[in-house]
């Protein structure tokens, strides 16, 4: 089951939000010690504060398949 935010944070474009969520889901499923995984992890870090995880208890979430 994939969780998605009901409403994105106001300062993040919907396309950016979708990209960050997709990248996180890919990283969670395929994380390894490769340079590519480390690069993706590093690239996602700046979004940690502006794009919360869908299962964050402070964010309304809805499930989508």
PDB file of N, CA and C in Angstrom:
ATOM      1  N   UNK A   1       0.843  -1.170   0.000  1.00  0.00           N
ATOM      2  CA  UNK A   1       0.000   0.000   0.000  1.00  0.00           C
ATOM      3  C   UNK A   1       0.894   1.241   0.000  1.00  0.00           C
ATOM      4  N   UNK A   2       0.614   2.161  -0.883  1.00  0.00           N
ATOM      5  CA  UNK A   2       1.371   3.402  -0.977  1.00  0.00           C
ATOM      6  C   UNK A   2       0.549   4.518  -0.360  1.00  0.00           C
ATOM      7  N   UNK A   3       1.165   5.276   0.512  1.00  0.00           N
ATOM      8  CA  UNK A   3       0.478   6.397   1.126  1.00  0.00           C
ATOM      9  C   UNK A   3       0.862   7.688   0.426  1.00  0.00           C
ATOM     10  N   UNK A   4      -0.109   8.548   0.222  1.00  0.00           N
ATOM     11  CA  UNK A   4       0.144   9.841  -0.404  1.00  0.00           C
ATOM     12  C   UNK A   4      -0.520  10.924   0.433  1.00  0.00           C
ATOM     13  N   UNK A   5       0.034  12.099   0.394  1.00  0.00           N
ATOM     14  CA  UNK A   5      -0.543  13.208   1.133  1.00  0.00           C
ATOM     15  C   UNK A   5      -1.851  13.644   0.493  1.00  0.00           C
ATOM     16  N   UNK A   6      -2.840  13.992   1.332  1.00  0.00           N
ATOM     17  CA  UNK A   6      -4.094  14.507   0.806  1.00  0.00           C
ATOM     18  C   UNK A   6      -3.881  15.876   0.197  1.00  0.00           C
ATOM     19  N   UNK A   7      -3.177  16.731   0.895  1.00  0.00           N
ATOM     20  CA  UNK A   7      -2.895  18.056   0.358  1.00  0.00           C
ATOM     21  C   UNK A   7      -1.423  18.359   0.588  1.00  0.00           C
ATOM     22  N   UNK A   8      -0.715  18.750  -0.466  1.00  0.00           N
ATOM     23  CA  UNK A   8       0.717  18.999  -0.331  1.00  0.00           C
ATOM     24  C   UNK A   8       0.983  20.249   0.486  1.00  0.00           C
ATOM     25  N   UNK A   9       2.157  20.334   1.117  1.00  0.00           N
ATOM     26  CA  UNK A   9       2.520  21.565   1.788  1.00  0.00           C
ATOM     27  C   UNK A   9       2.462  22.727   0.793  1.00  0.00           C
ATOM     28  N   UNK A  10       2.021  23.868   1.238  1.00  0.00           N
ATOM     29  CA  UNK A  10       1.761  25.002   0.349  1.00  0.00           C
ATOM     30  C   UNK A  10       2.970  25.434  -0.467  1.00  0.00           C
ATOM     31  N   UNK A  11       4.173  25.293   0.059  1.00  0.00           N
ATOM     32  CA  UNK A  11       5.337  25.815  -0.650  1.00  0.00           C
ATOM     33  C   UNK A  11       6.001  24.812  -1.600  1.00  0.00           C
ATOM     34  N   UNK A  12       5.390  23.661  -1.802  1.00  0.00           N
ATOM     35  CA  UNK A  12       5.965  22.646  -2.684  1.00  0.00           C
ATOM     36  C   UNK A  12       5.017  22.423  -3.862  1.00  0.00           C
ATOM     37  N   UNK A  13       5.562  22.520  -5.072  1.00  0.00           N
ATOM     38  CA  UNK A  13       4.769  22.274  -6.275  1.00  0.00           C
ATOM     39  C   UNK A  13       4.296  20.824  -6.293  1.00  0.00           C
ATOM     40  N   UNK A  14       3.092  20.557  -6.788  1.00  0.00           N
ATOM     41  CA  UNK A  14       2.594  19.174  -6.833  1.00  0.00           C
ATOM     42  C   UNK A  14       3.514  18.231  -7.604  1.00  0.00           C
ATOM     43  N   UNK A  15       4.143  18.704  -8.663  1.00  0.00           N
ATOM     44  CA  UNK A  15       5.046  17.833  -9.423  1.00  0.00           C
ATOM     45  C   UNK A  15       6.290  17.494  -8.608  1.00  0.00           C
ATOM     46  N   UNK A  16       6.778  18.453  -7.838  1.00  0.00           N
ATOM     47  CA  UNK A  16       7.933  18.208  -6.966  1.00  0.00           C
ATOM     48  C   UNK A  16       7.547  17.236  -5.867  1.00  0.00           C
ATOM     49  N   UNK A  17       6.371  17.427  -5.304  1.00  0.00           N
ATOM     50  CA  UNK A  17       5.879  16.534  -4.264  1.00  0.00           C
ATOM     51  C   UNK A  17       5.809  15.099  -4.778  1.00  0.00           C
ATOM     52  N   UNK A  18       5.234  14.921  -5.954  1.00  0.00           N
ATOM     53  CA  UNK A  18       5.114  13.582  -6.540  1.00  0.00           C
ATOM     54  C   UNK A  18       6.490  12.963  -6.779  1.00  0.00           C
ATOM     55  N   UNK A  19       7.422  13.752  -7.262  1.00  0.00           N
ATOM     56  CA  UNK A  19       8.770  13.257  -7.523  1.00  0.00           C
ATOM     57  C   UNK A  19       9.464  12.837  -6.235  1.00  0.00           C
ATOM     58  N   UNK A  20       9.359  13.636  -5.198  1.00  0.00           N
ATOM     59  CA  UNK A  20      10.007  13.316  -3.922  1.00  0.00           C
ATOM     60  C   UNK A  20       9.397  12.052  -3.325  1.00  0.00           C
ATOM     61  N   UNK A  21       8.077  11.930  -3.360  1.00  0.00           N
ATOM     62  CA  UNK A  21       7.430  10.735  -2.819  1.00  0.00           C
ATOM     63  C   UNK A  21       7.858   9.497  -3.597  1.00  0.00           C
ATOM     64  N   UNK A  22       7.873   9.585  -4.930  1.00  0.00           N
ATOM     65  CA  UNK A  22       8.289   8.452  -5.749  1.00  0.00           C
ATOM     66  C   UNK A  22       9.745   8.080  -5.482  1.00  0.00           C
ATOM     67  N   UNK A  23      10.601   9.071  -5.352  1.00  0.00           N
ATOM     68  CA  UNK A  23      12.019   8.804  -5.079  1.00  0.00           C
ATOM     69  C   UNK A  23      12.198   8.152  -3.718  1.00  0.00           C
ATOM     70  N   UNK A  24      11.446   8.617  -2.718  1.00  0.00           N
ATOM     71  CA  UNK A  24      11.535   8.001  -1.389  1.00  0.00           C
ATOM     72  C   UNK A  24      11.087   6.545  -1.436  1.00  0.00           C
ATOM     73  N   UNK A  25       9.978   6.294  -2.132  1.00  0.00           N
ATOM     74  CA  UNK A  25       9.478   4.923  -2.215  1.00  0.00           C
ATOM     75  C   UNK A  25      10.484   4.021  -2.927  1.00  0.00           C
ATOM     76  N   UNK A  26      11.101   4.524  -3.987  1.00  0.00           N
ATOM     77  CA  UNK A  26      12.118   3.746  -4.693  1.00  0.00           C
ATOM     78  C   UNK A  26      13.306   3.490  -3.782  1.00  0.00           C
ATOM     79  N   UNK A  27      13.760   4.518  -3.092  1.00  0.00           N
ATOM     80  CA  UNK A  27      14.912   4.376  -2.198  1.00  0.00           C
ATOM     81  C   UNK A  27      14.604   3.384  -1.084  1.00  0.00           C
ATOM     82  N   UNK A  28      13.393   3.477  -0.507  1.00  0.00           N
ATOM     83  CA  UNK A  28      13.019   2.543   0.560  1.00  0.00           C
ATOM     84  C   UNK A  28      13.030   1.103   0.071  1.00  0.00           C
ATOM     85  N   UNK A  29      12.606   0.873  -1.166  1.00  0.00           N
ATOM     86  CA  UNK A  29      12.528  -0.486  -1.706  1.00  0.00           C
ATOM     87  C   UNK A  29      13.863  -1.005  -2.219  1.00  0.00           C
ATOM     88  N   UNK A  30      14.739  -0.104  -2.684  1.00  0.00           N
ATOM     89  CA  UNK A  30      15.963  -0.540  -3.355  1.00  0.00           C
ATOM     90  C   UNK A  30      17.243  -0.029  -2.704  1.00  0.00           C
ATOM     91  N   UNK A  31      17.133   0.471  -1.491  1.00  0.00           N
ATOM     92  CA  UNK A  31      18.311   1.016  -0.820  1.00  0.00           C
ATOM     93  C   UNK A  31      19.375  -0.056  -0.647  1.00  0.00           C
ATOM     94  N   UNK A  32      20.554   0.257  -1.087  1.00  0.00           N
ATOM     95  CA  UNK A  32      21.696  -0.617  -0.889  1.00  0.00           C
ATOM     96  C   UNK A  32      22.907   0.275  -0.640  1.00  0.00           C
ATOM     97  N   UNK A  33      24.064  -0.245  -0.712  1.00  0.00           N
ATOM     98  CA  UNK A  33      25.266   0.541  -0.432  1.00  0.00           C
ATOM     99  C   UNK A  33      25.887   1.126  -1.692  1.00  0.00           C
ATOM    100  N   UNK A  34      25.141   1.109  -2.789  1.00  0.00           N
ATOM    101  CA  UNK A  34      25.683   1.605  -4.048  1.00  0.00           C
ATOM    102  C   UNK A  34      25.831   3.127  -4.022  1.00  0.00           C
ATOM    103  N   UNK A  35      26.717   3.656  -4.835  1.00  0.00           N
ATOM    104  CA  UNK A  35      26.871   5.111  -4.933  1.00  0.00           C
ATOM    105  C   UNK A  35      25.570   5.797  -5.379  1.00  0.00           C
ATOM    106  N   UNK A  36      24.794   5.116  -6.217  1.00  0.00           N
ATOM    107  CA  UNK A  36      23.526   5.692  -6.685  1.00  0.00           C
ATOM    108  C   UNK A  36      22.520   5.834  -5.549  1.00  0.00           C
ATOM    109  N   UNK A  37      22.430   4.824  -4.682  1.00  0.00           N
ATOM    110  CA  UNK A  37      21.524   4.906  -3.536  1.00  0.00           C
ATOM    111  C   UNK A  37      21.958   6.004  -2.581  1.00  0.00           C
ATOM    112  N   UNK A  38      23.250   6.111  -2.358  1.00  0.00           N
ATOM    113  CA  UNK A  38      23.754   7.168  -1.482  1.00  0.00           C
ATOM    114  C   UNK A  38      23.485   8.544  -2.084  1.00  0.00           C
ATOM    115  N   UNK A  39      23.634   8.669  -3.401  1.00  0.00           N
ATOM    116  CA  UNK A  39      23.364   9.942  -4.067  1.00  0.00           C
ATOM    117  C   UNK A  39      21.878  10.314  -3.970  1.00  0.00           C
ATOM    118  N   UNK A  40      21.001   9.330  -4.143  1.00  0.00           N
ATOM    119  CA  UNK A  40      19.564   9.586  -4.026  1.00  0.00           C
ATOM    120  C   UNK A  40      19.214   9.993  -2.604  1.00  0.00           C
ATOM    121  N   UNK A  41      19.773   9.322  -1.629  1.00  0.00           N
ATOM    122  CA  UNK A  41      19.541   9.668  -0.226  1.00  0.00           C
ATOM    123  C   UNK A  41      19.977  11.109   0.049  1.00  0.00           C
ATOM    124  N   UNK A  42      21.146  11.470  -0.438  1.00  0.00           N
ATOM    125  CA  UNK A  42      21.657  12.829  -0.258  1.00  0.00           C
ATOM    126  C   UNK A  42      20.762  13.853  -0.957  1.00  0.00           C
ATOM    127  N   UNK A  43      20.290  13.513  -2.149  1.00  0.00           N
ATOM    128  CA  UNK A  43      19.425  14.420  -2.901  1.00  0.00           C
ATOM    129  C   UNK A  43      18.074  14.623  -2.212  1.00  0.00           C
ATOM    130  N   UNK A  44      17.599  13.611  -1.496  1.00  0.00           N
ATOM    131  CA  UNK A  44      16.317  13.716  -0.813  1.00  0.00           C
ATOM    132  C   UNK A  44      16.388  14.497   0.493  1.00  0.00           C
ATOM    133  N   UNK A  45      17.563  14.600   1.091  1.00  0.00           N
ATOM    134  CA  UNK A  45      17.708  15.253   2.390  1.00  0.00           C
ATOM    135  C   UNK A  45      17.117  16.662   2.451  1.00  0.00           C
ATOM    136  N   UNK A  46      17.344  17.530   1.463  1.00  0.00           N
ATOM    137  CA  UNK A  46      16.788  18.889   1.563  1.00  0.00           C
ATOM    138  C   UNK A  46      15.258  18.931   1.611  1.00  0.00           C
ATOM    139  N   UNK A  47      14.611  17.854   1.175  1.00  0.00           N
ATOM    140  CA  UNK A  47      13.150  17.831   1.144  1.00  0.00           C
ATOM    141  C   UNK A  47      12.543  17.297   2.435  1.00  0.00           C
ATOM    142  N   UNK A  48      13.366  16.848   3.357  1.00  0.00           N
ATOM    143  CA  UNK A  48      12.866  16.233   4.582  1.00  0.00           C
ATOM    144  C   UNK A  48      11.943  17.167   5.363  1.00  0.00           C
ATOM    145  N   UNK A  49      12.251  18.441   5.407  1.00  0.00           N
ATOM    146  CA  UNK A  49      11.449  19.391   6.173  1.00  0.00           C
ATOM    147  C   UNK A  49      10.236  19.896   5.402  1.00  0.00           C
ATOM    148  N   UNK A  50      10.310  19.921   4.079  1.00  0.00           N
ATOM    149  CA  UNK A  50       9.218  20.502   3.296  1.00  0.00           C
ATOM    150  C   UNK A  50       8.252  19.477   2.732  1.00  0.00           C
ATOM    151  N   UNK A  51       8.678  18.218   2.619  1.00  0.00           N
ATOM    152  CA  UNK A  51       7.798  17.151   2.130  1.00  0.00           C
ATOM    153  C   UNK A  51       7.814  16.048   3.184  1.00  0.00           C
ATOM    154  N   UNK A  52       6.853  16.099   4.112  1.00  0.00           N
ATOM    155  CA  UNK A  52       6.836  15.079   5.164  1.00  0.00           C
ATOM    156  C   UNK A  52       6.446  13.719   4.600  1.00  0.00           C
ATOM    157  N   UNK A  53       6.848  12.682   5.299  1.00  0.00           N
ATOM    158  CA  UNK A  53       6.424  11.341   4.919  1.00  0.00           C
ATOM    159  C   UNK A  53       4.919  11.236   5.116  1.00  0.00           C
ATOM    160  N   UNK A  54       4.265  10.470   4.270  1.00  0.00           N
ATOM    161  CA  UNK A  54       2.811  10.336   4.327  1.00  0.00           C
ATOM    162  C   UNK A  54       2.346   9.717   5.638  1.00  0.00           C
ATOM    163  N   UNK A  55       3.172   8.893   6.266  1.00  0.00           N
ATOM    164  CA  UNK A  55       2.768   8.268   7.522  1.00  0.00           C
ATOM    165  C   UNK A  55       3.188   9.089   8.733  1.00  0.00           C
ATOM    166  N   UNK A  56       3.621  10.318   8.502  1.00  0.00           N
ATOM    167  CA  UNK A  56       3.954  11.227   9.603  1.00  0.00           C
ATOM    168  C   UNK A  56       2.663  11.537  10.357  1.00  0.00           C
ATOM    169  N   UNK A  57       2.634  11.321  11.671  1.00  0.00           N
ATOM    170  CA  UNK A  57       1.391  11.532  12.414  1.00  0.00           C
ATOM    171  C   UNK A  57       0.900  12.982  12.395  1.00  0.00           C
ATOM    172  N   UNK A  58       1.741  13.915  12.020  1.00  0.00           N
ATOM    173  CA  UNK A  58       1.324  15.314  11.970  1.00  0.00           C
ATOM    174  C   UNK A  58       0.734  15.695  10.638  1.00  0.00           C
ATOM    175  N   UNK A  59       0.649  14.740   9.695  1.00  0.00           N
ATOM    176  CA  UNK A  59       0.162  15.019   8.347  1.00  0.00           C
ATOM    177  C   UNK A  59      -1.054  14.138   8.060  1.00  0.00           C
ATOM    178  N   UNK A  60      -2.083  14.734   7.454  1.00  0.00           N
ATOM    179  CA  UNK A  60      -3.237  13.934   7.023  1.00  0.00           C
ATOM    180  C   UNK A  60      -2.769  13.082   5.856  1.00  0.00           C
ATOM    181  N   UNK A  61      -3.103  11.795   5.889  1.00  0.00           N
ATOM    182  CA  UNK A  61      -2.683  10.906   4.803  1.00  0.00           C
ATOM    183  C   UNK A  61      -3.874  10.084   4.319  1.00  0.00           C
ATOM    184  N   UNK A  62      -3.781   9.704   3.058  1.00  0.00           N
ATOM    185  CA  UNK A  62      -4.777   8.813   2.476  1.00  0.00           C
ATOM    186  C   UNK A  62      -4.041   7.728   1.717  1.00  0.00           C
ATOM    187  N   UNK A  63      -4.597   6.543   1.652  1.00  0.00           N
ATOM    188  CA  UNK A  63      -3.924   5.480   0.927  1.00  0.00           C
ATOM    189  C   UNK A  63      -4.401   5.469  -0.516  1.00  0.00           C
ATOM    190  N   UNK A  64      -3.455   5.170  -1.416  1.00  0.00           N
ATOM    191  CA  UNK A  64      -3.768   5.019  -2.823  1.00  0.00           C
ATOM    192  C   UNK A  64      -3.080   3.771  -3.313  1.00  0.00           C
ATOM    193  N   UNK A  65      -3.640   3.148  -4.289  1.00  0.00           N
ATOM    194  CA  UNK A  65      -3.018   1.932  -4.858  1.00  0.00           C
ATOM    195  C   UNK A  65      -2.547   2.171  -6.242  1.00  0.00           C
TER     196      UNK A  65
END
